[in-house]
Amino acid sequence: MSKIIPGTSPFDGSAAQKGYALNKMCFSFNDKANRDAFVADPEAYMLQYGLNSEQAEAIRSKQVLALIAAGGNAYYLAKFAGIFGLDMQDIGAQQTGMTKDQFKAKLVAANEQC
């Protein structure tokens, strides 16, 4: 029996199937030539990987929660975020609805409590 954690989106078999094209595209960003091709023409690049409309809109919006809802895996999405100079703190801030500075302060405060 799996435990449901409010506000989370588990990455399970269904999410993996749903996000296959999105995650495959994001994995391709390991290669600089692919990152450059995406930046040059994102729409053509998305078509090449067969993203559905939900996935394509999530890519256009650069919103992590929309990408996760579209089946994105955080490890692959980090490769996409890196194209735009975003790091894991930027992603964490988006996920929590905070600014990056607020998110960083929360991390520091949590560390001080340990």
N, C-alpha and C. Protein backbone atom coordinates (compact mmCIF):
# COMPACT_ATOMS: atom_id res chain seq x y z
N MET A 1 0.84 -1.17 0.00
CA MET A 1 0.00 0.00 0.00
C MET A 1 0.89 1.24 0.00
N SER A 2 0.68 2.11 -0.95
CA SER A 2 1.51 3.30 -1.04
C SER A 2 0.88 4.44 -0.24
N LYS A 3 1.73 5.24 0.32
CA LYS A 3 1.29 6.38 1.11
C LYS A 3 1.17 7.60 0.20
N ILE A 4 0.04 8.27 0.25
CA ILE A 4 -0.17 9.49 -0.53
C ILE A 4 0.32 10.68 0.28
N ILE A 5 1.18 11.47 -0.31
CA ILE A 5 1.69 12.68 0.34
C ILE A 5 1.03 13.88 -0.34
N PRO A 6 0.20 14.64 0.40
CA PRO A 6 -0.50 15.79 -0.21
C PRO A 6 0.48 16.73 -0.91
N GLY A 7 0.08 17.18 -2.09
CA GLY A 7 0.88 18.14 -2.85
C GLY A 7 1.99 17.51 -3.67
N THR A 8 2.03 16.19 -3.72
CA THR A 8 3.07 15.52 -4.50
C THR A 8 2.45 14.79 -5.69
N SER A 9 3.25 14.57 -6.68
CA SER A 9 2.84 13.79 -7.84
C SER A 9 3.81 12.63 -7.98
N PRO A 10 3.42 11.44 -7.52
CA PRO A 10 4.34 10.30 -7.62
C PRO A 10 4.65 9.96 -9.07
N PHE A 11 5.88 9.59 -9.31
CA PHE A 11 6.27 9.16 -10.64
C PHE A 11 6.21 7.64 -10.65
N ASP A 12 5.09 7.13 -11.14
CA ASP A 12 4.86 5.69 -11.17
C ASP A 12 4.81 5.21 -12.62
N GLY A 13 4.38 3.98 -12.80
CA GLY A 13 4.32 3.42 -14.15
C GLY A 13 3.42 4.20 -15.09
N SER A 14 2.29 4.66 -14.59
CA SER A 14 1.38 5.47 -15.43
C SER A 14 2.03 6.77 -15.86
N ALA A 15 2.69 7.44 -14.91
CA ALA A 15 3.36 8.70 -15.24
C ALA A 15 4.50 8.45 -16.24
N ALA A 16 5.20 7.34 -16.07
CA ALA A 16 6.30 7.01 -16.98
C ALA A 16 5.78 6.80 -18.40
N GLN A 17 4.66 6.10 -18.52
CA GLN A 17 4.09 5.89 -19.86
C GLN A 17 3.59 7.22 -20.44
N LYS A 18 2.90 7.98 -19.61
CA LYS A 18 2.36 9.27 -20.06
C LYS A 18 3.48 10.21 -20.51
N GLY A 19 4.58 10.23 -19.78
CA GLY A 19 5.64 11.19 -20.06
C GLY A 19 6.78 10.68 -20.91
N TYR A 20 6.62 9.51 -21.52
CA TYR A 20 7.73 8.91 -22.26
C TYR A 20 8.34 9.87 -23.28
N ALA A 21 7.53 10.47 -24.14
CA ALA A 21 8.06 11.35 -25.19
C ALA A 21 8.75 12.57 -24.57
N LEU A 22 8.13 13.15 -23.56
CA LEU A 22 8.70 14.33 -22.88
C LEU A 22 10.04 13.99 -22.24
N ASN A 23 10.09 12.89 -21.53
CA ASN A 23 11.33 12.50 -20.86
C ASN A 23 12.41 12.09 -21.85
N LYS A 24 12.00 11.45 -22.93
CA LYS A 24 12.97 11.08 -23.97
C LYS A 24 13.58 12.34 -24.58
N MET A 25 12.74 13.35 -24.83
CA MET A 25 13.25 14.60 -25.38
C MET A 25 14.21 15.26 -24.38
N CYS A 26 13.80 15.34 -23.12
CA CYS A 26 14.67 15.97 -22.12
C CYS A 26 15.98 15.22 -21.96
N PHE A 27 15.95 13.89 -22.05
CA PHE A 27 17.18 13.11 -21.98
C PHE A 27 18.12 13.46 -23.13
N SER A 28 17.54 13.80 -24.28
CA SER A 28 18.37 14.14 -25.44
C SER A 28 19.23 15.38 -25.18
N PHE A 29 18.85 16.18 -24.19
CA PHE A 29 19.59 17.40 -23.89
C PHE A 29 20.94 17.14 -23.23
N ASN A 30 21.28 15.87 -23.03
CA ASN A 30 22.64 15.54 -22.59
C ASN A 30 23.65 15.95 -23.65
N ASP A 31 23.22 16.02 -24.90
CA ASP A 31 24.08 16.36 -26.03
C ASP A 31 23.91 17.85 -26.38
N LYS A 32 25.00 18.58 -26.36
CA LYS A 32 24.95 20.02 -26.63
C LYS A 32 24.31 20.33 -27.98
N ALA A 33 24.57 19.53 -28.97
CA ALA A 33 23.98 19.76 -30.29
C ALA A 33 22.45 19.72 -30.21
N ASN A 34 21.93 18.83 -29.39
CA ASN A 34 20.48 18.75 -29.21
C ASN A 34 19.93 19.95 -28.45
N ARG A 35 20.66 20.41 -27.44
CA ARG A 35 20.24 21.62 -26.72
C ARG A 35 20.20 22.80 -27.68
N ASP A 36 21.22 22.92 -28.52
CA ASP A 36 21.27 24.01 -29.49
C ASP A 36 20.13 23.91 -30.49
N ALA A 37 19.82 22.70 -30.94
CA ALA A 37 18.73 22.51 -31.90
C ALA A 37 17.39 22.90 -31.26
N PHE A 38 17.20 22.55 -30.00
CA PHE A 38 15.97 22.92 -29.31
C PHE A 38 15.84 24.43 -29.20
N VAL A 39 16.91 25.09 -28.77
CA VAL A 39 16.87 26.55 -28.61
C VAL A 39 16.60 27.22 -29.96
N ALA A 40 17.17 26.69 -31.02
CA ALA A 40 16.98 27.28 -32.36
C ALA A 40 15.55 27.16 -32.85
N ASP A 41 14.88 26.04 -32.54
CA ASP A 41 13.51 25.84 -33.02
C ASP A 41 12.78 24.86 -32.10
N PRO A 42 12.30 25.37 -30.96
CA PRO A 42 11.65 24.48 -29.99
C PRO A 42 10.45 23.73 -30.55
N GLU A 43 9.66 24.38 -31.39
CA GLU A 43 8.46 23.73 -31.92
C GLU A 43 8.83 22.53 -32.79
N ALA A 44 9.79 22.70 -33.67
CA ALA A 44 10.22 21.59 -34.52
C ALA A 44 10.83 20.48 -33.68
N TYR A 45 11.59 20.86 -32.66
CA TYR A 45 12.22 19.85 -31.81
C TYR A 45 11.16 19.03 -31.07
N MET A 46 10.13 19.71 -30.56
CA MET A 46 9.06 19.00 -29.87
C MET A 46 8.32 18.05 -30.81
N LEU A 47 8.10 18.49 -32.04
CA LEU A 47 7.44 17.63 -33.04
C LEU A 47 8.26 16.38 -33.32
N GLN A 48 9.57 16.56 -33.37
CA GLN A 48 10.48 15.44 -33.63
C GLN A 48 10.30 14.32 -32.59
N TYR A 49 9.97 14.70 -31.36
CA TYR A 49 9.80 13.72 -30.29
C TYR A 49 8.34 13.33 -30.04
N GLY A 50 7.43 13.95 -30.78
CA GLY A 50 6.03 13.57 -30.69
C GLY A 50 5.33 13.98 -29.40
N LEU A 51 5.72 15.13 -28.84
CA LEU A 51 5.05 15.59 -27.62
C LEU A 51 3.59 15.86 -27.89
N ASN A 52 2.74 15.54 -26.93
CA ASN A 52 1.33 15.86 -27.07
C ASN A 52 1.10 17.33 -26.70
N SER A 53 -0.11 17.81 -26.85
CA SER A 53 -0.37 19.24 -26.63
C SER A 53 -0.13 19.65 -25.19
N GLU A 54 -0.46 18.79 -24.23
CA GLU A 54 -0.22 19.12 -22.81
C GLU A 54 1.28 19.25 -22.55
N GLN A 55 2.06 18.33 -23.07
CA GLN A 55 3.50 18.36 -22.88
C GLN A 55 4.12 19.58 -23.56
N ALA A 56 3.69 19.84 -24.80
CA ALA A 56 4.24 20.98 -25.54
C ALA A 56 3.93 22.30 -24.83
N GLU A 57 2.72 22.44 -24.30
CA GLU A 57 2.36 23.67 -23.59
C GLU A 57 3.17 23.79 -22.30
N ALA A 58 3.39 22.68 -21.63
CA ALA A 58 4.19 22.70 -20.41
C ALA A 58 5.63 23.12 -20.72
N ILE A 59 6.17 22.64 -21.82
CA ILE A 59 7.52 23.05 -22.24
C ILE A 59 7.53 24.54 -22.54
N ARG A 60 6.54 25.01 -23.28
CA ARG A 60 6.49 26.44 -23.61
C ARG A 60 6.41 27.31 -22.36
N SER A 61 5.66 26.87 -21.36
CA SER A 61 5.46 27.68 -20.16
C SER A 61 6.65 27.60 -19.19
N LYS A 62 7.46 26.57 -19.34
CA LYS A 62 8.62 26.35 -18.46
C LYS A 62 8.21 26.23 -17.00
N GLN A 63 7.00 25.72 -16.77
CA GLN A 63 6.50 25.55 -15.41
C GLN A 63 6.68 24.09 -14.97
N VAL A 64 7.47 23.91 -13.94
CA VAL A 64 7.83 22.58 -13.49
C VAL A 64 6.60 21.75 -13.11
N LEU A 65 5.66 22.34 -12.40
CA LEU A 65 4.49 21.56 -11.98
C LEU A 65 3.68 21.09 -13.18
N ALA A 66 3.59 21.92 -14.21
CA ALA A 66 2.88 21.51 -15.44
C ALA A 66 3.66 20.39 -16.14
N LEU A 67 4.97 20.47 -16.12
CA LEU A 67 5.80 19.42 -16.73
C LEU A 67 5.64 18.10 -15.98
N ILE A 68 5.60 18.16 -14.65
CA ILE A 68 5.40 16.94 -13.86
C ILE A 68 4.01 16.37 -14.12
N ALA A 69 3.00 17.23 -14.17
CA ALA A 69 1.63 16.77 -14.45
C ALA A 69 1.54 16.13 -15.83
N ALA A 70 2.41 16.55 -16.75
CA ALA A 70 2.42 16.00 -18.11
C ALA A 70 3.25 14.72 -18.19
N GLY A 71 3.71 14.22 -17.04
CA GLY A 71 4.46 12.96 -17.01
C GLY A 71 5.96 13.13 -16.92
N GLY A 72 6.41 14.36 -16.69
CA GLY A 72 7.85 14.60 -16.61
C GLY A 72 8.47 14.04 -15.35
N ASN A 73 9.67 13.53 -15.49
CA ASN A 73 10.47 13.01 -14.39
C ASN A 73 11.46 14.09 -13.99
N ALA A 74 11.58 14.37 -12.70
CA ALA A 74 12.42 15.48 -12.21
C ALA A 74 13.85 15.38 -12.72
N TYR A 75 14.40 14.19 -12.83
CA TYR A 75 15.79 14.04 -13.28
C TYR A 75 15.96 14.48 -14.73
N TYR A 76 15.00 14.15 -15.56
CA TYR A 76 15.07 14.55 -16.96
C TYR A 76 14.71 16.03 -17.11
N LEU A 77 13.75 16.51 -16.31
CA LEU A 77 13.36 17.91 -16.39
C LEU A 77 14.50 18.83 -16.00
N ALA A 78 15.38 18.38 -15.15
CA ALA A 78 16.54 19.20 -14.77
C ALA A 78 17.42 19.50 -15.98
N LYS A 79 17.46 18.58 -16.92
CA LYS A 79 18.24 18.81 -18.15
C LYS A 79 17.59 19.90 -18.98
N PHE A 80 16.27 19.91 -19.03
CA PHE A 80 15.54 20.97 -19.73
C PHE A 80 15.76 22.31 -19.03
N ALA A 81 15.62 22.33 -17.72
CA ALA A 81 15.78 23.57 -16.96
C ALA A 81 17.18 24.16 -17.14
N GLY A 82 18.17 23.29 -17.24
CA GLY A 82 19.54 23.75 -17.40
C GLY A 82 19.77 24.56 -18.67
N ILE A 83 18.99 24.30 -19.69
CA ILE A 83 19.11 25.07 -20.94
C ILE A 83 18.88 26.55 -20.67
N PHE A 84 18.02 26.83 -19.71
CA PHE A 84 17.64 28.21 -19.40
C PHE A 84 18.36 28.75 -18.18
N GLY A 85 19.38 28.04 -17.73
CA GLY A 85 20.18 28.50 -16.59
C GLY A 85 19.48 28.33 -15.26
N LEU A 86 18.46 27.47 -15.21
CA LEU A 86 17.75 27.23 -13.95
C LEU A 86 18.42 26.09 -13.21
N ASP A 87 18.50 26.22 -11.89
CA ASP A 87 19.07 25.14 -11.09
C ASP A 87 17.98 24.51 -10.22
N MET A 88 18.36 23.56 -9.39
CA MET A 88 17.37 22.85 -8.58
C MET A 88 16.68 23.78 -7.57
N GLN A 89 17.35 24.84 -7.15
CA GLN A 89 16.68 25.79 -6.25
C GLN A 89 15.60 26.58 -6.99
N ASP A 90 15.83 26.90 -8.25
CA ASP A 90 14.78 27.54 -9.06
C ASP A 90 13.57 26.60 -9.19
N ILE A 91 13.86 25.34 -9.42
CA ILE A 91 12.79 24.35 -9.57
C ILE A 91 12.04 24.18 -8.25
N GLY A 92 12.77 24.09 -7.15
CA GLY A 92 12.13 23.97 -5.84
C GLY A 92 11.26 25.17 -5.52
N ALA A 93 11.73 26.36 -5.89
CA ALA A 93 10.94 27.57 -5.66
C ALA A 93 9.64 27.53 -6.45
N GLN A 94 9.71 27.10 -7.72
CA GLN A 94 8.50 26.98 -8.52
C GLN A 94 7.53 25.98 -7.90
N GLN A 95 8.06 24.86 -7.45
CA GLN A 95 7.21 23.81 -6.91
C GLN A 95 6.50 24.23 -5.63
N THR A 96 7.12 25.12 -4.87
CA THR A 96 6.54 25.54 -3.59
C THR A 96 5.83 26.88 -3.67
N GLY A 97 5.88 27.52 -4.84
CA GLY A 97 5.22 28.82 -4.99
C GLY A 97 5.96 29.95 -4.29
N MET A 98 7.25 29.78 -4.10
CA MET A 98 8.08 30.80 -3.44
C MET A 98 9.01 31.45 -4.45
N THR A 99 9.59 32.56 -4.04
CA THR A 99 10.69 33.11 -4.83
C THR A 99 11.92 32.25 -4.53
N LYS A 100 12.93 32.37 -5.36
CA LYS A 100 14.15 31.59 -5.13
C LYS A 100 14.78 31.98 -3.79
N ASP A 101 14.79 33.28 -3.47
CA ASP A 101 15.37 33.71 -2.19
C ASP A 101 14.60 33.15 -1.01
N GLN A 102 13.27 33.13 -1.09
CA GLN A 102 12.46 32.55 -0.02
C GLN A 102 12.75 31.06 0.13
N PHE A 103 12.87 30.37 -0.99
CA PHE A 103 13.14 28.94 -0.96
C PHE A 103 14.51 28.67 -0.34
N LYS A 104 15.51 29.45 -0.73
CA LYS A 104 16.85 29.28 -0.17
C LYS A 104 16.84 29.52 1.34
N ALA A 105 16.10 30.55 1.78
CA ALA A 105 16.01 30.84 3.22
C ALA A 105 15.35 29.67 3.96
N LYS A 106 14.34 29.06 3.35
CA LYS A 106 13.67 27.91 3.95
C LYS A 106 14.65 26.75 4.09
N LEU A 107 15.48 26.52 3.08
CA LEU A 107 16.47 25.45 3.14
C LEU A 107 17.48 25.70 4.25
N VAL A 108 17.94 26.94 4.36
CA VAL A 108 18.92 27.28 5.41
C VAL A 108 18.30 27.09 6.79
N ALA A 109 17.05 27.55 6.95
CA ALA A 109 16.37 27.40 8.25
C ALA A 109 16.18 25.92 8.60
N ALA A 110 15.83 25.11 7.62
CA ALA A 110 15.66 23.67 7.88
C ALA A 110 16.98 23.02 8.27
N ASN A 111 18.06 23.46 7.64
CA ASN A 111 19.38 22.92 7.95
C ASN A 111 19.80 23.30 9.36
N GLU A 112 19.44 24.49 9.79
CA GLU A 112 19.82 24.95 11.14
C GLU A 112 19.07 24.18 12.21
N GLN A 113 17.92 23.61 11.89
CA GLN A 113 17.13 22.85 12.85
C GLN A 113 17.66 21.43 13.01
N CYS A 114 18.51 21.00 12.10
CA CYS A 114 19.03 19.63 12.16
C CYS A 114 20.10 19.47 13.21
